[in-house]
Protein backbone atom coordinates (compact mmCIF):
# COMPACT_ATOMS: atom_id res chain seq x y z
CA MET A 1 -93.91 -52.52 -32.38
CA ALA A 2 -97.28 -50.90 -32.96
CA LEU A 3 -98.81 -48.58 -30.42
CA GLN A 4 -101.69 -49.92 -28.38
CA SER A 5 -105.12 -49.29 -29.85
CA ASP A 6 -107.55 -47.20 -27.83
CA GLU A 7 -109.56 -50.36 -27.12
CA ALA A 8 -106.49 -52.24 -25.85
CA ARG A 9 -105.47 -49.25 -23.71
CA LYS A 10 -108.97 -49.03 -22.19
CA ARG A 11 -109.00 -52.78 -21.45
CA HIS A 12 -105.58 -52.48 -19.82
CA GLU A 13 -106.77 -49.55 -17.66
CA LEU A 14 -109.90 -51.50 -16.69
CA MET A 15 -107.90 -54.62 -15.78
CA THR A 16 -105.57 -52.44 -13.70
CA LYS A 17 -108.57 -51.04 -11.82
CA ILE A 18 -110.01 -54.56 -11.30
CA THR A 19 -106.64 -55.85 -10.08
CA VAL A 20 -106.27 -53.07 -7.51
CA LYS A 21 -109.85 -53.62 -6.33
CA ALA A 22 -109.17 -57.36 -5.92
CA TRP A 23 -106.00 -56.59 -3.94
CA THR A 24 -107.75 -54.15 -1.60
CA ASP A 25 -111.30 -55.51 -1.24
CA PRO A 26 -111.54 -59.10 0.09
CA SER A 27 -115.25 -59.38 -0.71
CA PHE A 28 -114.62 -58.32 -4.32
CA LYS A 29 -111.81 -60.87 -4.58
CA LYS A 30 -114.14 -63.61 -3.32
CA LYS A 31 -116.84 -62.56 -5.80
CA LEU A 32 -114.29 -62.45 -8.64
CA LEU A 33 -113.21 -66.02 -7.85
CA SER A 34 -116.75 -67.39 -7.52
CA ASP A 35 -118.25 -65.63 -10.58
CA PRO A 36 -115.44 -64.32 -12.79
CA LYS A 37 -117.46 -63.48 -15.92
CA GLY A 38 -120.32 -61.87 -14.01
CA THR A 39 -117.99 -59.84 -11.84
CA LEU A 40 -115.87 -58.72 -14.78
CA ALA A 41 -119.02 -57.76 -16.72
CA ALA A 42 -120.29 -55.75 -13.74
CA GLU A 43 -116.99 -53.85 -13.80
CA GLY A 44 -117.39 -53.09 -17.52
CA LEU A 45 -115.28 -55.88 -19.01
CA SER A 46 -117.58 -58.00 -21.14
CA MET A 47 -116.53 -61.21 -22.82
CA PRO A 48 -118.11 -63.36 -25.53
CA LYS A 49 -120.51 -66.00 -24.18
CA ASN A 50 -118.34 -68.85 -25.46
CA MET A 51 -115.20 -67.49 -23.76
CA LYS A 52 -114.21 -68.79 -20.33
CA ALA A 53 -112.82 -66.51 -17.62
CA ASN A 54 -110.26 -68.09 -15.31
CA ILE A 55 -109.07 -65.99 -12.38
CA VAL A 56 -106.02 -67.17 -10.44
CA PHE A 57 -104.32 -65.34 -7.59
CA HIS A 58 -100.66 -66.21 -7.32
CA GLU A 59 -99.92 -65.26 -3.76
CA ASP A 60 -96.21 -65.21 -3.09
CA ASP A 61 -94.69 -65.60 0.34
CA GLU A 62 -91.13 -65.57 1.66
CA ASN A 63 -90.52 -69.09 0.32
CA THR A 64 -92.48 -69.03 -2.94
CA ARG A 65 -92.46 -66.86 -6.05
CA ASN A 66 -95.01 -67.48 -8.79
CA PHE A 67 -94.31 -66.53 -12.37
CA VAL A 68 -97.04 -66.30 -14.96
CA ILE A 69 -95.84 -66.95 -18.47
CA PRO A 70 -98.50 -65.78 -20.90
CA ALA A 71 -99.17 -67.36 -24.23
CA PRO A 72 -97.15 -65.76 -27.01
CA PRO A 73 -98.97 -63.07 -28.97
CA GLN A 74 -100.63 -65.05 -31.79
CA ALA A 75 -102.30 -62.21 -33.64
CA LEU A 76 -99.11 -60.22 -34.04
CA SER A 77 -96.29 -60.90 -36.42
CA LEU A 78 -93.30 -60.02 -34.26
CA SER A 79 -89.63 -60.57 -34.85
CA GLU A 80 -87.62 -62.48 -32.26
CA LYS A 81 -86.12 -59.15 -31.18
CA ASP A 82 -89.59 -57.67 -30.60
CA LEU A 83 -90.66 -60.79 -28.69
CA ASN A 84 -87.59 -60.41 -26.46
CA VAL A 85 -88.50 -56.78 -25.75
CA LEU A 86 -92.10 -57.73 -24.93
CA ALA A 87 -91.05 -60.59 -22.66
CA ALA A 88 -88.48 -58.40 -20.89
CA GLN A 89 -91.10 -55.70 -20.24
CA ARG A 90 -93.53 -58.21 -18.74
CA LEU A 91 -90.81 -59.83 -16.65
CA SER A 92 -89.55 -56.48 -15.37
CA ILE A 93 -93.04 -55.71 -14.07
CA GLN A 94 -93.15 -59.04 -12.20
CA LEU A 95 -89.66 -58.55 -10.78
CA GLU A 96 -90.47 -55.04 -9.52
CA LEU A 97 -92.95 -56.64 -7.14
CA PHE A 98 -90.21 -58.57 -5.28
């Protein structure tokens, strides 16, 4: 698989920062839910005008575990083996949170 581009790495770092802020700052979380695009833009993550931002918090408890299954990577031409590696990496991150 190809290495992440600098732009993808920066977006990932920014989304990590936004995620931690949403976890630790209830007022930021509320703002993110009420105005996702504006809040993301204020944090440095701009999106095209015609693109929608949908923020969902999957809050697990002792009886419920939420799993987010992302859309498959459309822009990449990956083998089934590479797709399995990618899916396993994403799943391992989710499972570490249990």
